[in-house]
PDB file of N, CA and C in Angstrom:
ATOM      1  N   MET A   1       0.847  -1.189   0.000  1.00  0.00           N
ATOM      2  CA  MET A   1       0.000   0.000   0.000  1.00  0.00           C
ATOM      3  C   MET A   1       0.883   1.240   0.000  1.00  0.00           C
ATOM      4  N   LYS A   2       0.594   2.147  -0.901  1.00  0.00           N
ATOM      5  CA  LYS A   2       1.361   3.392  -0.994  1.00  0.00           C
ATOM      6  C   LYS A   2       0.825   4.420  -0.014  1.00  0.00           C
ATOM      7  N   LYS A   3       1.738   5.192   0.548  1.00  0.00           N
ATOM      8  CA  LYS A   3       1.374   6.310   1.415  1.00  0.00           C
ATOM      9  C   LYS A   3       1.575   7.579   0.592  1.00  0.00           C
ATOM     10  N   ILE A   4       0.487   8.280   0.321  1.00  0.00           N
ATOM     11  CA  ILE A   4       0.509   9.480  -0.515  1.00  0.00           C
ATOM     12  C   ILE A   4       0.134  10.682   0.345  1.00  0.00           C
ATOM     13  N   ILE A   5       0.979  11.716   0.273  1.00  0.00           N
ATOM     14  CA  ILE A   5       0.727  12.942   1.034  1.00  0.00           C
ATOM     15  C   ILE A   5       0.799  14.131   0.082  1.00  0.00           C
ATOM     16  N   VAL A   6      -0.218  14.964   0.125  1.00  0.00           N
ATOM     17  CA  VAL A   6      -0.186  16.238  -0.588  1.00  0.00           C
ATOM     18  C   VAL A   6       0.079  17.310   0.458  1.00  0.00           C
ATOM     19  N   LEU A   7       1.131  18.101   0.209  1.00  0.00           N
ATOM     20  CA  LEU A   7       1.520  19.177   1.118  1.00  0.00           C
ATOM     21  C   LEU A   7       1.086  20.505   0.525  1.00  0.00           C
ATOM     22  N   GLY A   8       0.378  21.293   1.320  1.00  0.00           N
ATOM     23  CA  GLY A   8      -0.050  22.605   0.855  1.00  0.00           C
ATOM     24  C   GLY A   8      -0.955  23.273   1.857  1.00  0.00           C
ATOM     25  N   PRO A   9      -0.977  24.602   1.854  1.00  0.00           N
ATOM     26  CA  PRO A   9      -1.758  25.349   2.834  1.00  0.00           C
ATOM     27  C   PRO A   9      -3.260  25.374   2.578  1.00  0.00           C
ATOM     28  N   GLY A  10      -3.704  24.842   1.437  1.00  0.00           N
ATOM     29  CA  GLY A  10      -5.130  24.857   1.127  1.00  0.00           C
ATOM     30  C   GLY A  10      -5.477  25.763  -0.038  1.00  0.00           C
ATOM     31  N   CYS A  11      -4.472  26.199  -0.769  1.00  0.00           N
ATOM     32  CA  CYS A  11      -4.684  27.069  -1.927  1.00  0.00           C
ATOM     33  C   CYS A  11      -5.340  26.280  -3.069  1.00  0.00           C
ATOM     34  N   PRO A  12      -5.865  26.963  -4.076  1.00  0.00           N
ATOM     35  CA  PRO A  12      -6.504  26.258  -5.197  1.00  0.00           C
ATOM     36  C   PRO A  12      -5.580  25.245  -5.885  1.00  0.00           C
ATOM     37  N   ARG A  13      -4.301  25.579  -6.054  1.00  0.00           N
ATOM     38  CA  ARG A  13      -3.377  24.629  -6.694  1.00  0.00           C
ATOM     39  C   ARG A  13      -3.192  23.384  -5.834  1.00  0.00           C
ATOM     40  N   CYS A  14      -3.162  23.570  -4.528  1.00  0.00           N
ATOM     41  CA  CYS A  14      -3.015  22.434  -3.609  1.00  0.00           C
ATOM     42  C   CYS A  14      -4.240  21.520  -3.703  1.00  0.00           C
ATOM     43  N   GLU A  15      -5.407  22.116  -3.760  1.00  0.00           N
ATOM     44  CA  GLU A  15      -6.639  21.336  -3.874  1.00  0.00           C
ATOM     45  C   GLU A  15      -6.691  20.596  -5.206  1.00  0.00           C
ATOM     46  N   THR A  16      -6.223  21.247  -6.274  1.00  0.00           N
ATOM     47  CA  THR A  16      -6.185  20.600  -7.585  1.00  0.00           C
ATOM     48  C   THR A  16      -5.237  19.409  -7.563  1.00  0.00           C
ATOM     49  N   LEU A  17      -4.059  19.577  -6.947  1.00  0.00           N
ATOM     50  CA  LEU A  17      -3.101  18.474  -6.856  1.00  0.00           C
ATOM     51  C   LEU A  17      -3.694  17.314  -6.063  1.00  0.00           C
ATOM     52  N   ALA A  18      -4.387  17.603  -4.984  1.00  0.00           N
ATOM     53  CA  ALA A  18      -5.008  16.548  -4.175  1.00  0.00           C
ATOM     54  C   ALA A  18      -6.045  15.783  -5.003  1.00  0.00           C
ATOM     55  N   LYS A  19      -6.886  16.509  -5.730  1.00  0.00           N
ATOM     56  CA  LYS A  19      -7.924  15.878  -6.554  1.00  0.00           C
ATOM     57  C   LYS A  19      -7.307  15.016  -7.645  1.00  0.00           C
ATOM     58  N   LEU A  20      -6.322  15.569  -8.357  1.00  0.00           N
ATOM     59  CA  LEU A  20      -5.683  14.822  -9.441  1.00  0.00           C
ATOM     60  C   LEU A  20      -4.922  13.600  -8.928  1.00  0.00           C
ATOM     61  N   THR A  21      -4.315  13.725  -7.755  1.00  0.00           N
ATOM     62  CA  THR A  21      -3.561  12.601  -7.186  1.00  0.00           C
ATOM     63  C   THR A  21      -4.488  11.448  -6.834  1.00  0.00           C
ATOM     64  N   ARG A  22      -5.618  11.753  -6.217  1.00  0.00           N
ATOM     65  CA  ARG A  22      -6.598  10.696  -5.910  1.00  0.00           C
ATOM     66  C   ARG A  22      -7.109  10.057  -7.195  1.00  0.00           C
ATOM     67  N   GLU A  23      -7.398  10.889  -8.195  1.00  0.00           N
ATOM     68  CA  GLU A  23      -7.885  10.393  -9.480  1.00  0.00           C
ATOM     69  C   GLU A  23      -6.841   9.473 -10.131  1.00  0.00           C
ATOM     70  N   ALA A  24      -5.578   9.887 -10.106  1.00  0.00           N
ATOM     71  CA  ALA A  24      -4.503   9.089 -10.703  1.00  0.00           C
ATOM     72  C   ALA A  24      -4.367   7.741  -9.991  1.00  0.00           C
ATOM     73  N   ALA A  25      -4.400   7.754  -8.677  1.00  0.00           N
ATOM     74  CA  ALA A  25      -4.265   6.515  -7.897  1.00  0.00           C
ATOM     75  C   ALA A  25      -5.433   5.572  -8.182  1.00  0.00           C
ATOM     76  N   ASP A  26      -6.627   6.120  -8.267  1.00  0.00           N
ATOM     77  CA  ASP A  26      -7.802   5.297  -8.569  1.00  0.00           C
ATOM     78  C   ASP A  26      -7.733   4.747  -9.993  1.00  0.00           C
ATOM     79  N   ASP A  27      -7.278   5.574 -10.932  1.00  0.00           N
ATOM     80  CA  ASP A  27      -7.187   5.146 -12.337  1.00  0.00           C
ATOM     81  C   ASP A  27      -6.233   3.973 -12.517  1.00  0.00           C
ATOM     82  N   ILE A  28      -5.095   4.004 -11.820  1.00  0.00           N
ATOM     83  CA  ILE A  28      -4.126   2.915 -11.987  1.00  0.00           C
ATOM     84  C   ILE A  28      -4.394   1.746 -11.048  1.00  0.00           C
ATOM     85  N   GLY A  29      -5.367   1.917 -10.158  1.00  0.00           N
ATOM     86  CA  GLY A  29      -5.838   0.806  -9.343  1.00  0.00           C
ATOM     87  C   GLY A  29      -4.919   0.367  -8.216  1.00  0.00           C
ATOM     88  N   ILE A  30      -4.164   1.315  -7.647  1.00  0.00           N
ATOM     89  CA  ILE A  30      -3.294   0.942  -6.528  1.00  0.00           C
ATOM     90  C   ILE A  30      -4.037   1.095  -5.201  1.00  0.00           C
ATOM     91  N   GLU A  31      -3.574   0.351  -4.205  1.00  0.00           N
ATOM     92  CA  GLU A  31      -4.064   0.555  -2.846  1.00  0.00           C
ATOM     93  C   GLU A  31      -3.227   1.671  -2.253  1.00  0.00           C
ATOM     94  N   TYR A  32      -3.904   2.625  -1.600  1.00  0.00           N
ATOM     95  CA  TYR A  32      -3.159   3.756  -1.058  1.00  0.00           C
ATOM     96  C   TYR A  32      -3.834   4.342   0.164  1.00  0.00           C
ATOM     97  N   GLU A  33      -3.006   5.004   0.951  1.00  0.00           N
ATOM     98  CA  GLU A  33      -3.477   5.807   2.075  1.00  0.00           C
ATOM     99  C   GLU A  33      -3.185   7.250   1.699  1.00  0.00           C
ATOM    100  N   PHE A  34      -4.183   8.119   1.758  1.00  0.00           N
ATOM    101  CA  PHE A  34      -4.039   9.503   1.321  1.00  0.00           C
ATOM    102  C   PHE A  34      -4.132  10.439   2.513  1.00  0.00           C
ATOM    103  N   GLU A  35      -3.253  11.433   2.528  1.00  0.00           N
ATOM    104  CA  GLU A  35      -3.276  12.435   3.586  1.00  0.00           C
ATOM    105  C   GLU A  35      -2.985  13.800   2.970  1.00  0.00           C
ATOM    106  N   LYS A  36      -3.656  14.821   3.457  1.00  0.00           N
ATOM    107  CA  LYS A  36      -3.381  16.201   3.048  1.00  0.00           C
ATOM    108  C   LYS A  36      -2.836  16.927   4.265  1.00  0.00           C
ATOM    109  N   VAL A  37      -1.648  17.488   4.142  1.00  0.00           N
ATOM    110  CA  VAL A  37      -0.978  18.142   5.263  1.00  0.00           C
ATOM    111  C   VAL A  37      -0.876  19.638   4.979  1.00  0.00           C
ATOM    112  N   THR A  38      -1.297  20.443   5.970  1.00  0.00           N
ATOM    113  CA  THR A  38      -1.278  21.901   5.807  1.00  0.00           C
ATOM    114  C   THR A  38      -0.286  22.582   6.752  1.00  0.00           C
ATOM    115  N   ASP A  39       0.392  21.825   7.603  1.00  0.00           N
ATOM    116  CA  ASP A  39       1.315  22.375   8.602  1.00  0.00           C
ATOM    117  C   ASP A  39       2.673  22.693   7.958  1.00  0.00           C
ATOM    118  N   LEU A  40       3.063  23.966   8.005  1.00  0.00           N
ATOM    119  CA  LEU A  40       4.321  24.392   7.386  1.00  0.00           C
ATOM    120  C   LEU A  40       5.528  23.654   7.942  1.00  0.00           C
ATOM    121  N   LYS A  41       5.512  23.314   9.210  1.00  0.00           N
ATOM    122  CA  LYS A  41       6.633  22.578   9.814  1.00  0.00           C
ATOM    123  C   LYS A  41       6.799  21.204   9.162  1.00  0.00           C
ATOM    124  N   GLU A  42       5.690  20.598   8.800  1.00  0.00           N
ATOM    125  CA  GLU A  42       5.747  19.292   8.121  1.00  0.00           C
ATOM    126  C   GLU A  42       6.364  19.425   6.730  1.00  0.00           C
ATOM    127  N   PHE A  43       6.089  20.537   6.059  1.00  0.00           N
ATOM    128  CA  PHE A  43       6.658  20.761   4.721  1.00  0.00           C
ATOM    129  C   PHE A  43       8.182  20.677   4.783  1.00  0.00           C
ATOM    130  N   LEU A  44       8.753  21.312   5.812  1.00  0.00           N
ATOM    131  CA  LEU A  44      10.204  21.372   5.942  1.00  0.00           C
ATOM    132  C   LEU A  44      10.818  19.999   6.195  1.00  0.00           C
ATOM    133  N   LYS A  45      10.079  19.109   6.830  1.00  0.00           N
ATOM    134  CA  LYS A  45      10.589  17.759   7.083  1.00  0.00           C
ATOM    135  C   LYS A  45      10.885  17.027   5.779  1.00  0.00           C
ATOM    136  N   TYR A  46      10.175  17.389   4.736  1.00  0.00           N
ATOM    137  CA  TYR A  46      10.376  16.762   3.426  1.00  0.00           C
ATOM    138  C   TYR A  46      11.283  17.597   2.519  1.00  0.00           C
ATOM    139  N   GLY A  47      11.767  18.737   3.023  1.00  0.00           N
ATOM    140  CA  GLY A  47      12.629  19.598   2.234  1.00  0.00           C
ATOM    141  C   GLY A  47      11.883  20.429   1.202  1.00  0.00           C
ATOM    142  N   MET A  48      10.585  20.582   1.399  1.00  0.00           N
ATOM    143  CA  MET A  48       9.778  21.312   0.434  1.00  0.00           C
ATOM    144  C   MET A  48       9.882  22.815   0.674  1.00  0.00           C
ATOM    145  N   MET A  49      10.148  23.552  -0.399  1.00  0.00           N
ATOM    146  CA  MET A  49      10.284  25.003  -0.301  1.00  0.00           C
ATOM    147  C   MET A  49       9.159  25.750  -1.019  1.00  0.00           C
ATOM    148  N   MET A  50       8.471  25.070  -1.961  1.00  0.00           N
ATOM    149  CA  MET A  50       7.396  25.706  -2.730  1.00  0.00           C
ATOM    150  C   MET A  50       6.182  24.777  -2.753  1.00  0.00           C
ATOM    151  N   THR A  51       5.004  25.357  -2.548  1.00  0.00           N
ATOM    152  CA  THR A  51       3.785  24.547  -2.576  1.00  0.00           C
ATOM    153  C   THR A  51       3.186  24.555  -3.971  1.00  0.00           C
ATOM    154  N   PRO A  52       2.407  23.568  -4.302  1.00  0.00           N
ATOM    155  CA  PRO A  52       2.112  22.370  -3.522  1.00  0.00           C
ATOM    156  C   PRO A  52       3.217  21.327  -3.691  1.00  0.00           C
ATOM    157  N   GLY A  53       3.132  20.290  -2.859  1.00  0.00           N
ATOM    158  CA  GLY A  53       4.105  19.207  -2.947  1.00  0.00           C
ATOM    159  C   GLY A  53       3.410  17.860  -2.898  1.00  0.00           C
ATOM    160  N   LEU A  54       4.048  16.873  -3.503  1.00  0.00           N
ATOM    161  CA  LEU A  54       3.525  15.514  -3.500  1.00  0.00           C
ATOM    162  C   LEU A  54       4.602  14.579  -2.954  1.00  0.00           C
ATOM    163  N   VAL A  55       4.248  13.851  -1.904  1.00  0.00           N
ATOM    164  CA  VAL A  55       5.144  12.885  -1.274  1.00  0.00           C
ATOM    165  C   VAL A  55       4.558  11.493  -1.476  1.00  0.00           C
ATOM    166  N   VAL A  56       5.386  10.580  -1.972  1.00  0.00           N
ATOM    167  CA  VAL A  56       4.970   9.192  -2.165  1.00  0.00           C
ATOM    168  C   VAL A  56       5.936   8.313  -1.390  1.00  0.00           C
ATOM    169  N   ASP A  57       5.396   7.560  -0.443  1.00  0.00           N
ATOM    170  CA  ASP A  57       6.203   6.662   0.391  1.00  0.00           C
ATOM    171  C   ASP A  57       7.409   7.378   0.994  1.00  0.00           C
ATOM    172  N   GLY A  58       7.181   8.591   1.507  1.00  0.00           N
ATOM    173  CA  GLY A  58       8.213   9.329   2.211  1.00  0.00           C
ATOM    174  C   GLY A  58       9.158  10.135   1.342  1.00  0.00           C
ATOM    175  N   GLU A  59       9.008  10.070   0.016  1.00  0.00           N
ATOM    176  CA  GLU A  59       9.897  10.783  -0.901  1.00  0.00           C
ATOM    177  C   GLU A  59       9.149  11.921  -1.583  1.00  0.00           C
ATOM    178  N   LEU A  60       9.719  13.136  -1.491  1.00  0.00           N
ATOM    179  CA  LEU A  60       9.134  14.288  -2.168  1.00  0.00           C
ATOM    180  C   LEU A  60       9.329  14.115  -3.666  1.00  0.00           C
ATOM    181  N   LYS A  61       8.228  13.962  -4.389  1.00  0.00           N
ATOM    182  CA  LYS A  61       8.293  13.707  -5.828  1.00  0.00           C
ATOM    183  C   LYS A  61       8.249  14.982  -6.655  1.00  0.00           C
ATOM    184  N   ILE A  62       7.494  15.970  -6.178  1.00  0.00           N
ATOM    185  CA  ILE A  62       7.357  17.215  -6.939  1.00  0.00           C
ATOM    186  C   ILE A  62       6.960  18.334  -5.989  1.00  0.00           C
ATOM    187  N   GLN A  63       7.370  19.547  -6.336  1.00  0.00           N
ATOM    188  CA  GLN A  63       6.974  20.716  -5.552  1.00  0.00           C
ATOM    189  C   GLN A  63       6.869  21.925  -6.463  1.00  0.00           C
ATOM    190  N   GLY A  64       5.989  22.830  -6.078  1.00  0.00           N
ATOM    191  CA  GLY A  64       5.879  24.108  -6.766  1.00  0.00           C
ATOM    192  C   GLY A  64       5.050  24.120  -8.036  1.00  0.00           C
ATOM    193  N   LYS A  65       4.452  22.975  -8.399  1.00  0.00           N
ATOM    194  CA  LYS A  65       3.596  22.966  -9.584  1.00  0.00           C
ATOM    195  C   LYS A  65       2.595  21.828  -9.485  1.00  0.00           C
ATOM    196  N   VAL A  66       1.592  21.897 -10.347  1.00  0.00           N
ATOM    197  CA  VAL A  66       0.606  20.824 -10.443  1.00  0.00           C
ATOM    198  C   VAL A  66       0.884  20.095 -11.756  1.00  0.00           C
ATOM    199  N   PRO A  67       1.416  18.878 -11.666  1.00  0.00           N
ATOM    200  CA  PRO A  67       1.724  18.135 -12.888  1.00  0.00           C
ATOM    201  C   PRO A  67       0.464  17.597 -13.553  1.00  0.00           C
ATOM    202  N   ALA A  68       0.616  17.163 -14.798  1.00  0.00           N
ATOM    203  CA  ALA A  68      -0.485  16.550 -15.535  1.00  0.00           C
ATOM    204  C   ALA A  68      -0.846  15.203 -14.903  1.00  0.00           C
ATOM    205  N   LEU A  69      -2.056  14.755 -15.136  1.00  0.00           N
ATOM    206  CA  LEU A  69      -2.548  13.501 -14.579  1.00  0.00           C
ATOM    207  C   LEU A  69      -1.623  12.332 -14.919  1.00  0.00           C
ATOM    208  N   ASP A  70      -1.176  12.240 -16.163  1.00  0.00           N
ATOM    209  CA  ASP A  70      -0.295  11.143 -16.566  1.00  0.00           C
ATOM    210  C   ASP A  70       1.038  11.186 -15.825  1.00  0.00           C
ATOM    211  N   GLU A  71       1.534  12.382 -15.560  1.00  0.00           N
ATOM    212  CA  GLU A  71       2.792  12.522 -14.826  1.00  0.00           C
ATOM    213  C   GLU A  71       2.616  12.033 -13.381  1.00  0.00           C
ATOM    214  N   ILE A  72       1.479  12.346 -12.785  1.00  0.00           N
ATOM    215  CA  ILE A  72       1.210  11.870 -11.427  1.00  0.00           C
ATOM    216  C   ILE A  72       1.106  10.346 -11.419  1.00  0.00           C
ATOM    217  N   LYS A  73       0.444   9.790 -12.411  1.00  0.00           N
ATOM    218  CA  LYS A  73       0.341   8.317 -12.507  1.00  0.00           C
ATOM    219  C   LYS A  73       1.727   7.686 -12.535  1.00  0.00           C
ATOM    220  N   SER A  74       2.649   8.266 -13.279  1.00  0.00           N
ATOM    221  CA  SER A  74       4.021   7.752 -13.349  1.00  0.00           C
ATOM    222  C   SER A  74       4.702   7.797 -11.988  1.00  0.00           C
ATOM    223  N   MET A  75       4.463   8.859 -11.239  1.00  0.00           N
ATOM    224  CA  MET A  75       5.062   8.983  -9.912  1.00  0.00           C
ATOM    225  C   MET A  75       4.519   7.952  -8.940  1.00  0.00           C
ATOM    226  N   LEU A  76       3.278   7.560  -9.140  1.00  0.00           N
ATOM    227  CA  LEU A  76       2.622   6.609  -8.228  1.00  0.00           C
ATOM    228  C   LEU A  76       2.871   5.157  -8.593  1.00  0.00           C
ATOM    229  N   ALA A  77       3.157   4.900  -9.873  1.00  0.00           N
ATOM    230  CA  ALA A  77       3.292   3.514 -10.349  1.00  0.00           C
ATOM    231  C   ALA A  77       4.525   2.822  -9.790  1.00  0.00           C
TER     232      ALA A  77
END
């Protein structure tokens, strides 16, 4: 089971990343645990400097942009 975390303060881009990430995970049919984190201190634990961010199994995969759905699928696969 993958642990997926979207990091962001709740801005529109953060919400879009959260929606697309859930959609991507469902599309590829993986089992996952999803969490949305808004605490700035948590962002720093992953080395994130720009929101939004996507963490998969403890690794920061992307920050500062909302990737395309296919790109998110690749990160999750």
